Amino acid sequence: MHFPGKFSEQLVAEQLHKVSLSFLVDDLVVRRGGIGANIAFGLGVLGCSPILVGAVGADFADYRSWLERHGVDCAGVHVSEVAHTARFVCTTDDEMNQIASFYAGAMSESRQIELHPIEAKAGKLDLVLIGPDDPEGMLRHAQECRQRGYAFAVDPSQQMARMDGAQIRDFVTGADYLFTNDYEWELLRQKTGWSDQEVMEKVGLRVTTLGAKGVEIVRKDGTSLTVSAVPETAKVDPTGVGDGFRAGFVAAITQGLGLERAAQLGSLIATLVLETVGTQEWTFGKEAALARLSDAFGPEAAAEIAPILP
């Protein structure tokens, strides 16, 4: 939904302990989404072979068809017999600020999913990306990755607010990649009580998106790399921008590109999402993508990324 005003102008500083607000919105659009599905969609569009893992309701049939048409394997999706598919309800104001609510629904059943049968069917898992899901399911999947030796990435995202410090510490330990945005990174340190160095003793690589400032990548030895954002033609809808970055980054990493090139491709996909209303309505064309990569990062970057693009 869209609120034609500014949330900040409706908040009274002296009354924040008892907020009671209703925003009259001027638009309602229902779209496909969900972080796991958004990332899998992006990977499919980029020519990879993503396997979506999660729990849904019986209302998922149309969505499944859409994802499969875009290259997503939905064999790892569990269908609940009692709950609806999870829903995210979000209102955006004129300054691109957002207020949202999330209904978990069938998501709580994802804890019942085991990764090993999925691996057995696929033959090999290049990387397991565990995004925000049922907290118990997130912890169980991270534990299974550690036990079975799967390379895995953690992206606690919105569930950072739900999980306590002990759960977050357990979740991220042993991950090859830790994805957050800059706000979530500060919240992670606050909740875990860990210093920057202590976090890096637990994970292989920290990838922190910085909005319009791009992304910061910090290696285990403390060295860092910053990659700027691809300039946008318009800021249309910020929903799913981080998911787009993750899709581009993971597509590049799993196909052998280095960190800088992976972040540059991630930055491009994030911008494509930003320029489009909805999280899965963006389109990809190789020629246009290479032109934008060249403009933003130089022709050498575009040439190195080109071989992995469909």
C-alpha atoms as a PDB file:
ATOM      1  CA  MET A   1       0.000   0.000   0.000  1.00  0.00           C
ATOM      2  CA  HIS A   2       1.021   3.627  -0.467  1.00  0.00           C
ATOM      3  CA  PHE A   3       0.441   6.428   2.034  1.00  0.00           C
ATOM      4  CA  PRO A   4       0.497   9.856   0.301  1.00  0.00           C
ATOM      5  CA  GLY A   5       2.357  11.644   3.060  1.00  0.00           C
ATOM      6  CA  LYS A   6       5.174  11.215   5.583  1.00  0.00           C
ATOM      7  CA  PHE A   7       4.981   8.824   8.515  1.00  0.00           C
ATOM      8  CA  SER A   8       7.319  11.118  10.446  1.00  0.00           C
ATOM      9  CA  GLU A   9       4.746  13.913  10.383  1.00  0.00           C
ATOM     10  CA  GLN A  10       2.166  11.692  12.097  1.00  0.00           C
ATOM     11  CA  LEU A  11       4.347  10.716  15.044  1.00  0.00           C
ATOM     12  CA  VAL A  12       4.097  12.828  18.208  1.00  0.00           C
ATOM     13  CA  ALA A  13       7.324  12.580  20.207  1.00  0.00           C
ATOM     14  CA  GLU A  14       5.578  12.936  23.578  1.00  0.00           C
ATOM     15  CA  GLN A  15       3.079  10.158  22.756  1.00  0.00           C
ATOM     16  CA  LEU A  16       5.308   7.405  21.356  1.00  0.00           C
ATOM     17  CA  HIS A  17       4.555   5.211  24.385  1.00  0.00           C
ATOM     18  CA  LYS A  18       0.928   4.836  23.191  1.00  0.00           C
ATOM     19  CA  VAL A  19       0.911   5.082  19.399  1.00  0.00           C
ATOM     20  CA  SER A  20      -2.511   4.755  17.782  1.00  0.00           C
ATOM     21  CA  LEU A  21      -2.385   5.564  14.090  1.00  0.00           C
ATOM     22  CA  SER A  22      -4.394   4.732  10.997  1.00  0.00           C
ATOM     23  CA  PHE A  23      -3.080   5.679   7.570  1.00  0.00           C
ATOM     24  CA  LEU A  24      -5.536   6.263   4.739  1.00  0.00           C
ATOM     25  CA  VAL A  25      -3.762   4.743   1.764  1.00  0.00           C
ATOM     26  CA  ASP A  26      -4.462   5.579  -1.862  1.00  0.00           C
ATOM     27  CA  ASP A  27      -3.371   2.303  -3.432  1.00  0.00           C
ATOM     28  CA  LEU A  28      -3.461  -1.435  -2.748  1.00  0.00           C
ATOM     29  CA  VAL A  29      -1.509  -3.916  -4.827  1.00  0.00           C
ATOM     30  CA  VAL A  30      -1.166  -7.625  -4.073  1.00  0.00           C
ATOM     31  CA  ARG A  31       2.073  -9.100  -5.399  1.00  0.00           C
ATOM     32  CA  ARG A  32       4.172 -12.224  -5.139  1.00  0.00           C
ATOM     33  CA  GLY A  33       6.983 -11.996  -2.626  1.00  0.00           C
ATOM     34  CA  GLY A  34       8.760 -13.663   0.253  1.00  0.00           C
ATOM     35  CA  ILE A  35      12.513 -13.371   0.685  1.00  0.00           C
ATOM     36  CA  GLY A  36      13.321 -16.971  -0.240  1.00  0.00           C
ATOM     37  CA  ALA A  37      11.117 -16.833  -3.321  1.00  0.00           C
ATOM     38  CA  ASN A  38      12.481 -13.434  -4.350  1.00  0.00           C
ATOM     39  CA  ILE A  39      16.069 -14.650  -4.196  1.00  0.00           C
ATOM     40  CA  ALA A  40      15.231 -17.922  -5.951  1.00  0.00           C
ATOM     41  CA  PHE A  41      13.385 -16.003  -8.679  1.00  0.00           C
ATOM     42  CA  GLY A  42      16.436 -13.788  -9.222  1.00  0.00           C
ATOM     43  CA  LEU A  43      18.753 -16.786  -9.405  1.00  0.00           C
ATOM     44  CA  GLY A  44      16.443 -18.444 -11.907  1.00  0.00           C
ATOM     45  CA  VAL A  45      16.321 -15.351 -14.107  1.00  0.00           C
ATOM     46  CA  LEU A  46      20.137 -15.257 -14.007  1.00  0.00           C
ATOM     47  CA  GLY A  47      20.340 -18.802 -15.330  1.00  0.00           C
ATOM     48  CA  CYS A  48      21.195 -20.654 -12.131  1.00  0.00           C
ATOM     49  CA  SER A  49      19.388 -23.721 -10.759  1.00  0.00           C
ATOM     50  CA  PRO A  50      17.865 -22.561  -7.453  1.00  0.00           C
ATOM     51  CA  ILE A  51      15.952 -24.937  -5.194  1.00  0.00           C
ATOM     52  CA  LEU A  52      13.373 -23.193  -3.044  1.00  0.00           C
ATOM     53  CA  VAL A  53      12.934 -24.654   0.439  1.00  0.00           C
ATOM     54  CA  GLY A  54      10.107 -23.577   2.729  1.00  0.00           C
ATOM     55  CA  ALA A  55       6.565 -24.221   3.908  1.00  0.00           C
ATOM     56  CA  VAL A  56       3.427 -22.883   2.200  1.00  0.00           C
ATOM     57  CA  GLY A  57      -0.345 -23.297   2.212  1.00  0.00           C
ATOM     58  CA  ALA A  58      -2.626 -24.943  -0.337  1.00  0.00           C
ATOM     59  CA  ASP A  59      -2.995 -21.494  -1.944  1.00  0.00           C
ATOM     60  CA  PHE A  60       0.548 -21.794  -3.340  1.00  0.00           C
ATOM     61  CA  ALA A  61      -0.345 -23.576  -6.608  1.00  0.00           C
ATOM     62  CA  ASP A  62      -0.429 -20.486  -8.842  1.00  0.00           C
ATOM     63  CA  TYR A  63       2.732 -19.097  -7.269  1.00  0.00           C
ATOM     64  CA  ARG A  64       4.500 -22.439  -7.760  1.00  0.00           C
ATOM     65  CA  SER A  65       3.665 -22.358 -11.461  1.00  0.00           C
ATOM     66  CA  TRP A  66       5.056 -18.814 -11.772  1.00  0.00           C
ATOM     67  CA  LEU A  67       8.329 -19.702 -10.030  1.00  0.00           C
ATOM     68  CA  GLU A  68       8.830 -22.883 -12.014  1.00  0.00           C
ATOM     69  CA  ARG A  69       8.346 -20.956 -15.258  1.00  0.00           C
ATOM     70  CA  HIS A  70      11.253 -18.759 -14.135  1.00  0.00           C
ATOM     71  CA  GLY A  71      13.642 -21.600 -13.425  1.00  0.00           C
ATOM     72  CA  VAL A  72      12.963 -22.284  -9.741  1.00  0.00           C
ATOM     73  CA  ASP A  73      12.835 -25.888  -8.512  1.00  0.00           C
ATOM     74  CA  CYS A  74      10.008 -26.044  -5.933  1.00  0.00           C
ATOM     75  CA  ALA A  75      10.521 -29.691  -4.970  1.00  0.00           C
ATOM     76  CA  GLY A  76      11.780 -28.601  -1.539  1.00  0.00           C
ATOM     77  CA  VAL A  77       8.540 -26.777  -0.709  1.00  0.00           C
ATOM     78  CA  HIS A  78       6.360 -28.337   1.997  1.00  0.00           C
ATOM     79  CA  VAL A  79       2.587 -27.757   1.686  1.00  0.00           C
ATOM     80  CA  SER A  80       0.707 -27.322   4.969  1.00  0.00           C
ATOM     81  CA  GLU A  81      -2.688 -28.958   5.441  1.00  0.00           C
ATOM     82  CA  VAL A  82      -3.896 -26.374   7.969  1.00  0.00           C
ATOM     83  CA  ALA A  83      -2.387 -22.917   7.353  1.00  0.00           C
ATOM     84  CA  HIS A  84      -2.239 -20.287   4.637  1.00  0.00           C
ATOM     85  CA  THR A  85       0.986 -19.164   2.977  1.00  0.00           C
ATOM     86  CA  ALA A  86       2.821 -16.458   4.908  1.00  0.00           C
ATOM     87  CA  ARG A  87       1.965 -12.842   4.038  1.00  0.00           C
ATOM     88  CA  PHE A  88       3.829  -9.566   4.324  1.00  0.00           C
ATOM     89  CA  VAL A  89       1.689  -6.414   4.455  1.00  0.00           C
ATOM     90  CA  CYS A  90       3.602  -3.202   3.877  1.00  0.00           C
ATOM     91  CA  THR A  91       2.765   0.495   3.622  1.00  0.00           C
ATOM     92  CA  THR A  92       5.276   2.887   2.009  1.00  0.00           C
ATOM     93  CA  ASP A  93       5.162   6.663   2.390  1.00  0.00           C
ATOM     94  CA  ASP A  94       6.324   9.424   0.048  1.00  0.00           C
ATOM     95  CA  GLU A  95       9.853   9.313   1.509  1.00  0.00           C
ATOM     96  CA  MET A  96      10.138   5.547   0.897  1.00  0.00           C
ATOM     97  CA  ASN A  97       9.843   4.768   4.619  1.00  0.00           C
ATOM     98  CA  GLN A  98       7.946   1.582   5.382  1.00  0.00           C
ATOM     99  CA  ILE A  99       5.700   0.188   8.138  1.00  0.00           C
ATOM    100  CA  ALA A 100       4.928  -3.491   7.818  1.00  0.00           C
ATOM    101  CA  SER A 101       3.361  -6.539   9.450  1.00  0.00           C
ATOM    102  CA  PHE A 102       4.070 -10.195   8.799  1.00  0.00           C
ATOM    103  CA  TYR A 103       1.729 -13.205   9.118  1.00  0.00           C
ATOM    104  CA  ALA A 104       3.751 -16.412   9.528  1.00  0.00           C
ATOM    105  CA  GLY A 105       1.042 -18.948   8.655  1.00  0.00           C
ATOM    106  CA  ALA A 106       2.460 -22.151   7.194  1.00  0.00           C
ATOM    107  CA  MET A 107       5.989 -20.831   7.642  1.00  0.00           C
ATOM    108  CA  SER A 108       6.168 -22.388  11.123  1.00  0.00           C
ATOM    109  CA  GLU A 109       6.145 -25.834   9.517  1.00  0.00           C
ATOM    110  CA  SER A 110       9.460 -25.238   7.752  1.00  0.00           C
ATOM    111  CA  ARG A 111      11.170 -26.659  10.837  1.00  0.00           C
ATOM    112  CA  GLN A 112       9.932 -30.071   9.654  1.00  0.00           C
ATOM    113  CA  ILE A 113      11.985 -29.910   6.447  1.00  0.00           C
ATOM    114  CA  GLU A 114      15.277 -31.796   6.299  1.00  0.00           C
ATOM    115  CA  LEU A 115      17.898 -30.682   3.786  1.00  0.00           C
ATOM    116  CA  HIS A 116      19.581 -34.037   3.202  1.00  0.00           C
ATOM    117  CA  PRO A 117      16.815 -35.542   0.999  1.00  0.00           C
ATOM    118  CA  ILE A 118      16.904 -32.353  -1.086  1.00  0.00           C
ATOM    119  CA  GLU A 119      20.663 -32.709  -1.502  1.00  0.00           C
ATOM    120  CA  ALA A 120      20.302 -36.393  -2.383  1.00  0.00           C
ATOM    121  CA  LYS A 121      17.889 -35.541  -5.164  1.00  0.00           C
ATOM    122  CA  ALA A 122      19.863 -32.552  -6.456  1.00  0.00           C
ATOM    123  CA  GLY A 123      23.204 -34.340  -6.344  1.00  0.00           C
ATOM    124  CA  LYS A 124      25.064 -31.355  -4.900  1.00  0.00           C
ATOM    125  CA  LEU A 125      24.253 -28.138  -3.093  1.00  0.00           C
ATOM    126  CA  ASP A 126      26.611 -25.294  -3.985  1.00  0.00           C
ATOM    127  CA  LEU A 127      25.366 -23.058  -1.189  1.00  0.00           C
ATOM    128  CA  VAL A 128      22.465 -23.149   1.271  1.00  0.00           C
ATOM    129  CA  LEU A 129      21.161 -19.637   1.917  1.00  0.00           C
ATOM    130  CA  ILE A 130      19.069 -19.572   5.096  1.00  0.00           C
ATOM    131  CA  GLY A 131      16.898 -16.476   5.089  1.00  0.00           C
ATOM    132  CA  PRO A 132      14.301 -15.238   7.581  1.00  0.00           C
ATOM    133  CA  ASP A 133      11.871 -18.065   8.267  1.00  0.00           C
ATOM    134  CA  ASP A 134      10.452 -19.832  11.290  1.00  0.00           C
ATOM    135  CA  PRO A 135      13.200 -19.154  13.893  1.00  0.00           C
ATOM    136  CA  GLU A 136      13.339 -22.772  15.016  1.00  0.00           C
ATOM    137  CA  GLY A 137      13.547 -23.868  11.391  1.00  0.00           C
ATOM    138  CA  MET A 138      16.373 -21.387  10.746  1.00  0.00           C
ATOM    139  CA  LEU A 139      18.360 -22.787  13.677  1.00  0.00           C
ATOM    140  CA  ARG A 140      17.727 -26.393  12.657  1.00  0.00           C
ATOM    141  CA  HIS A 141      18.780 -25.780   9.066  1.00  0.00           C
ATOM    142  CA  ALA A 142      21.970 -24.017  10.159  1.00  0.00           C
ATOM    143  CA  GLN A 143      22.745 -26.905  12.489  1.00  0.00           C
ATOM    144  CA  GLU A 144      22.185 -29.436   9.710  1.00  0.00           C
ATOM    145  CA  CYS A 145      24.508 -27.465   7.428  1.00  0.00           C
ATOM    146  CA  ARG A 146      27.224 -27.580  10.068  1.00  0.00           C
ATOM    147  CA  GLN A 147      26.705 -31.295  10.704  1.00  0.00           C
ATOM    148  CA  ARG A 148      26.665 -32.286   7.029  1.00  0.00           C
ATOM    149  CA  GLY A 149      29.383 -29.877   5.931  1.00  0.00           C
ATOM    150  CA  TYR A 150      27.206 -27.829   3.572  1.00  0.00           C
ATOM    151  CA  ALA A 151      28.507 -24.391   2.656  1.00  0.00           C
ATOM    152  CA  PHE A 152      25.868 -21.991   3.957  1.00  0.00           C
ATOM    153  CA  ALA A 153      24.964 -18.344   4.198  1.00  0.00           C
ATOM    154  CA  VAL A 154      22.791 -16.768   6.883  1.00  0.00           C
ATOM    155  CA  ASP A 155      20.470 -13.820   6.355  1.00  0.00           C
ATOM    156  CA  PRO A 156      18.465 -13.226   9.569  1.00  0.00           C
ATOM    157  CA  SER A 157      16.847 -10.054   8.180  1.00  0.00           C
ATOM    158  CA  GLN A 158      13.436  -9.314   9.751  1.00  0.00           C
ATOM    159  CA  GLN A 159      13.747 -12.202  12.186  1.00  0.00           C
ATOM    160  CA  MET A 160      16.558 -10.369  13.947  1.00  0.00           C
ATOM    161  CA  ALA A 161      13.834  -8.585  15.926  1.00  0.00           C
ATOM    162  CA  ARG A 162      12.221 -11.893  16.960  1.00  0.00           C
ATOM    163  CA  MET A 163      15.361 -13.861  17.861  1.00  0.00           C
ATOM    164  CA  ASP A 164      17.266 -13.296  21.086  1.00  0.00           C
ATOM    165  CA  GLY A 165      21.022 -12.976  21.393  1.00  0.00           C
ATOM    166  CA  ALA A 166      21.624 -16.665  22.079  1.00  0.00           C
ATOM    167  CA  GLN A 167      19.591 -17.695  19.035  1.00  0.00           C
ATOM    168  CA  ILE A 168      21.421 -15.245  16.778  1.00  0.00           C
ATOM    169  CA  ARG A 169      24.810 -16.409  18.041  1.00  0.00           C
ATOM    170  CA  ASP A 170      23.825 -20.021  17.374  1.00  0.00           C
ATOM    171  CA  PHE A 171      22.380 -19.202  13.945  1.00  0.00           C
ATOM    172  CA  VAL A 172      25.376 -17.370  12.478  1.00  0.00           C
ATOM    173  CA  THR A 173      28.170 -19.536  13.893  1.00  0.00           C
ATOM    174  CA  GLY A 174      29.989 -21.410  11.155  1.00  0.00           C
ATOM    175  CA  ALA A 175      28.331 -19.596   8.254  1.00  0.00           C
ATOM    176  CA  ASP A 176      30.419 -18.958   5.159  1.00  0.00           C
ATOM    177  CA  TYR A 177      28.535 -15.685   4.539  1.00  0.00           C
ATOM    178  CA  LEU A 178      26.636 -13.347   6.857  1.00  0.00           C
ATOM    179  CA  PHE A 179      24.183 -11.082   5.009  1.00  0.00           C
ATOM    180  CA  THR A 180      22.590  -8.055   6.704  1.00  0.00           C
ATOM    181  CA  ASN A 181      21.849  -4.438   5.960  1.00  0.00           C
ATOM    182  CA  ASP A 182      23.603  -1.759   8.004  1.00  0.00           C
ATOM    183  CA  TYR A 183      20.772  -1.436  10.547  1.00  0.00           C
ATOM    184  CA  GLU A 184      20.558  -5.198  11.048  1.00  0.00           C
ATOM    185  CA  TRP A 185      24.341  -5.342  11.489  1.00  0.00           C
ATOM    186  CA  GLU A 186      24.147  -2.899  14.390  1.00  0.00           C
ATOM    187  CA  LEU A 187      21.220  -4.823  15.878  1.00  0.00           C
ATOM    188  CA  LEU A 188      23.121  -8.110  15.558  1.00  0.00           C
ATOM    189  CA  ARG A 189      26.088  -6.721  17.484  1.00  0.00           C
ATOM    190  CA  GLN A 190      23.795  -5.240  20.124  1.00  0.00           C
ATOM    191  CA  LYS A 191      21.830  -8.458  20.665  1.00  0.00           C
ATOM    192  CA  THR A 192      24.782 -10.862  20.571  1.00  0.00           C
ATOM    193  CA  GLY A 193      27.093  -8.652  22.594  1.00  0.00           C
ATOM    194  CA  TRP A 194      29.846  -9.521  20.127  1.00  0.00           C
ATOM    195  CA  SER A 195      32.446  -7.092  18.829  1.00  0.00           C
ATOM    196  CA  ASP A 196      33.217  -6.857  15.115  1.00  0.00           C
ATOM    197  CA  GLN A 197      36.209  -9.136  15.628  1.00  0.00           C
ATOM    198  CA  GLU A 198      34.196 -11.700  17.572  1.00  0.00           C
ATOM    199  CA  VAL A 199      31.613 -11.881  14.774  1.00  0.00           C
ATOM    200  CA  MET A 200      34.357 -12.453  12.216  1.00  0.00           C
ATOM    201  CA  GLU A 201      35.739 -15.299  14.320  1.00  0.00           C
ATOM    202  CA  LYS A 202      32.386 -17.054  13.773  1.00  0.00           C
ATOM    203  CA  VAL A 203      31.734 -16.437  10.066  1.00  0.00           C
ATOM    204  CA  GLY A 204      33.758 -16.573   6.879  1.00  0.00           C
ATOM    205  CA  LEU A 205      32.637 -13.309   5.303  1.00  0.00           C
ATOM    206  CA  ARG A 206      30.391 -10.390   6.264  1.00  0.00           C
ATOM    207  CA  VAL A 207      28.303  -8.782   3.512  1.00  0.00           C
ATOM    208  CA  THR A 208      26.549  -5.622   4.713  1.00  0.00           C
ATOM    209  CA  THR A 209      24.374  -3.651   2.314  1.00  0.00           C
ATOM    210  CA  LEU A 210      24.423   0.124   2.805  1.00  0.00           C
ATOM    211  CA  GLY A 211      21.454   1.284   0.749  1.00  0.00           C
ATOM    212  CA  ALA A 212      22.396   4.029  -1.706  1.00  0.00           C
ATOM    213  CA  LYS A 213      26.021   3.770  -0.534  1.00  0.00           C
ATOM    214  CA  GLY A 214      26.395   0.254  -1.920  1.00  0.00           C
ATOM    215  CA  VAL A 215      27.770  -2.696   0.035  1.00  0.00           C
ATOM    216  CA  GLU A 216      30.654  -3.413   2.412  1.00  0.00           C
ATOM    217  CA  ILE A 217      32.319  -6.827   2.377  1.00  0.00           C
ATOM    218  CA  VAL A 218      34.572  -7.730   5.309  1.00  0.00           C
ATOM    219  CA  ARG A 219      36.869 -10.737   5.191  1.00  0.00           C
ATOM    220  CA  LYS A 220      37.899 -12.909   8.112  1.00  0.00           C
ATOM    221  CA  ASP A 221      41.300 -11.185   8.324  1.00  0.00           C
ATOM    222  CA  GLY A 222      39.600  -7.800   8.770  1.00  0.00           C
ATOM    223  CA  THR A 223      40.300  -6.458   5.290  1.00  0.00           C
ATOM    224  CA  SER A 224      37.298  -4.923   3.572  1.00  0.00           C
ATOM    225  CA  LEU A 225      35.947  -4.054   0.158  1.00  0.00           C
ATOM    226  CA  THR A 226      33.287  -1.471  -0.654  1.00  0.00           C
ATOM    227  CA  VAL A 227      31.315  -1.562  -3.908  1.00  0.00           C
ATOM    228  CA  SER A 228      29.071   1.329  -4.890  1.00  0.00           C
ATOM    229  CA  ALA A 229      25.455   1.044  -5.961  1.00  0.00           C
ATOM    230  CA  VAL A 230      24.525   1.090  -9.643  1.00  0.00           C
ATOM    231  CA  PRO A 231      22.892   4.501 -10.298  1.00  0.00           C
ATOM    232  CA  GLU A 232      19.138   4.150 -10.665  1.00  0.00           C
ATOM    233  CA  THR A 233      16.948   5.757 -13.312  1.00  0.00           C
ATOM    234  CA  ALA A 234      14.152   6.121 -10.733  1.00  0.00           C
ATOM    235  CA  LYS A 235      13.376   5.091  -7.161  1.00  0.00           C
ATOM    236  CA  VAL A 236      10.085   3.297  -7.677  1.00  0.00           C
ATOM    237  CA  ASP A 237       9.749   0.655  -4.933  1.00  0.00           C
ATOM    238  CA  PRO A 238      12.405  -0.383  -2.361  1.00  0.00           C
ATOM    239  CA  THR A 239      10.691  -3.656  -1.441  1.00  0.00           C
ATOM    240  CA  GLY A 240      12.919  -6.621  -2.292  1.00  0.00           C
ATOM    241  CA  VAL A 241      16.018  -4.607  -3.210  1.00  0.00           C
ATOM    242  CA  GLY A 242      18.139  -6.555  -0.716  1.00  0.00           C
ATOM    243  CA  ASP A 243      16.818  -9.832  -2.092  1.00  0.00           C
ATOM    244  CA  GLY A 244      17.851  -8.745  -5.579  1.00  0.00           C
ATOM    245  CA  PHE A 245      21.359  -8.004  -4.345  1.00  0.00           C
ATOM    246  CA  ARG A 246      21.631 -11.428  -2.747  1.00  0.00           C
ATOM    247  CA  ALA A 247      20.461 -13.143  -5.936  1.00  0.00           C
ATOM    248  CA  GLY A 248      23.071 -11.381  -8.044  1.00  0.00           C
ATOM    249  CA  PHE A 249      25.838 -11.899  -5.499  1.00  0.00           C
ATOM    250  CA  VAL A 250      25.114 -15.606  -5.009  1.00  0.00           C
ATOM    251  CA  ALA A 251      24.727 -16.192  -8.761  1.00  0.00           C
ATOM    252  CA  ALA A 252      28.203 -14.773  -9.323  1.00  0.00           C
ATOM    253  CA  ILE A 253      29.915 -16.455  -6.363  1.00  0.00           C
ATOM    254  CA  THR A 254      28.548 -19.913  -7.177  1.00  0.00           C
ATOM    255  CA  GLN A 255      29.734 -19.545 -10.776  1.00  0.00           C
ATOM    256  CA  GLY A 256      33.301 -18.701  -9.860  1.00  0.00           C
ATOM    257  CA  LEU A 257      33.494 -14.902  -9.857  1.00  0.00           C
ATOM    258  CA  GLY A 258      35.349 -12.991  -7.160  1.00  0.00           C
ATOM    259  CA  LEU A 259      33.838 -10.884  -4.425  1.00  0.00           C
ATOM    260  CA  GLU A 260      34.067  -7.548  -6.210  1.00  0.00           C
ATOM    261  CA  ARG A 261      32.394  -8.793  -9.381  1.00  0.00           C
ATOM    262  CA  ALA A 262      29.760 -10.609  -7.340  1.00  0.00           C
ATOM    263  CA  ALA A 263      28.927  -7.432  -5.441  1.00  0.00           C
ATOM    264  CA  GLN A 264      28.759  -5.475  -8.697  1.00  0.00           C
ATOM    265  CA  LEU A 265      26.280  -7.915 -10.228  1.00  0.00           C
ATOM    266  CA  GLY A 266      24.313  -7.868  -6.973  1.00  0.00           C
ATOM    267  CA  SER A 267      24.252  -4.081  -7.097  1.00  0.00           C
ATOM    268  CA  LEU A 268      22.849  -4.142 -10.633  1.00  0.00           C
ATOM    269  CA  ILE A 269      20.048  -6.585  -9.775  1.00  0.00           C
ATOM    270  CA  ALA A 270      19.197  -4.557  -6.663  1.00  0.00           C
ATOM    271  CA  THR A 271      18.828  -1.447  -8.819  1.00  0.00           C
ATOM    272  CA  LEU A 272      16.626  -3.283 -11.330  1.00  0.00           C
ATOM    273  CA  VAL A 273      14.329  -4.219  -8.451  1.00  0.00           C
ATOM    274  CA  LEU A 274      14.343  -0.636  -7.125  1.00  0.00           C
ATOM    275  CA  GLU A 275      13.260   0.661 -10.529  1.00  0.00           C
ATOM    276  CA  THR A 276      10.250  -1.694 -10.653  1.00  0.00           C
ATOM    277  CA  VAL A 277       7.039  -1.945  -8.644  1.00  0.00           C
ATOM    278  CA  GLY A 278       7.059  -5.372  -6.988  1.00  0.00           C
ATOM    279  CA  THR A 279       9.811  -7.809  -6.074  1.00  0.00           C
ATOM    280  CA  GLN A 280       9.547 -10.157  -9.063  1.00  0.00           C
ATOM    281  CA  GLU A 281       8.376  -7.876 -11.851  1.00  0.00           C
ATOM    282  CA  TRP A 282      11.837  -6.778 -12.963  1.00  0.00           C
ATOM    283  CA  THR A 283      13.215  -8.041 -16.246  1.00  0.00           C
ATOM    284  CA  PHE A 284      16.737  -8.849 -17.362  1.00  0.00           C
ATOM    285  CA  GLY A 285      18.452  -8.308 -20.700  1.00  0.00           C
ATOM    286  CA  LYS A 286      22.124  -9.171 -21.101  1.00  0.00           C
ATOM    287  CA  GLU A 287      23.052  -6.334 -23.462  1.00  0.00           C
ATOM    288  CA  ALA A 288      21.440  -3.661 -21.301  1.00  0.00           C
ATOM    289  CA  ALA A 289      22.901  -5.208 -18.139  1.00  0.00           C
ATOM    290  CA  LEU A 290      26.432  -5.171 -19.509  1.00  0.00           C
ATOM    291  CA  ALA A 291      26.049  -1.550 -20.606  1.00  0.00           C
ATOM    292  CA  ARG A 292      24.997  -0.510 -17.112  1.00  0.00           C
ATOM    293  CA  LEU A 293      27.767  -2.536 -15.496  1.00  0.00           C
ATOM    294  CA  SER A 294      30.283  -0.921 -17.811  1.00  0.00           C
ATOM    295  CA  ASP A 295      28.988   2.563 -17.042  1.00  0.00           C
ATOM    296  CA  ALA A 296      29.035   1.946 -13.301  1.00  0.00           C
ATOM    297  CA  PHE A 297      32.182  -0.123 -12.847  1.00  0.00           C
ATOM    298  CA  GLY A 298      34.101   0.000 -16.121  1.00  0.00           C
ATOM    299  CA  PRO A 299      34.340  -2.202 -19.215  1.00  0.00           C
ATOM    300  CA  GLU A 300      36.707  -4.680 -17.535  1.00  0.00           C
ATOM    301  CA  ALA A 301      34.114  -5.485 -14.874  1.00  0.00           C
ATOM    302  CA  ALA A 302      31.415  -5.964 -17.497  1.00  0.00           C
ATOM    303  CA  ALA A 303      33.664  -8.242 -19.552  1.00  0.00           C
ATOM    304  CA  GLU A 304      34.443 -10.477 -16.565  1.00  0.00           C
ATOM    305  CA  ILE A 305      30.802 -10.765 -15.529  1.00  0.00           C
ATOM    306  CA  ALA A 306      29.488 -11.335 -19.082  1.00  0.00           C
ATOM    307  CA  PRO A 307      30.288 -15.093 -19.385  1.00  0.00           C
ATOM    308  CA  ILE A 308      27.963 -16.088 -16.534  1.00  0.00           C
ATOM    309  CA  LEU A 309      24.963 -14.052 -17.720  1.00  0.00           C
ATOM    310  CA  PRO A 310      22.151 -15.747 -19.646  1.00  0.00           C
END
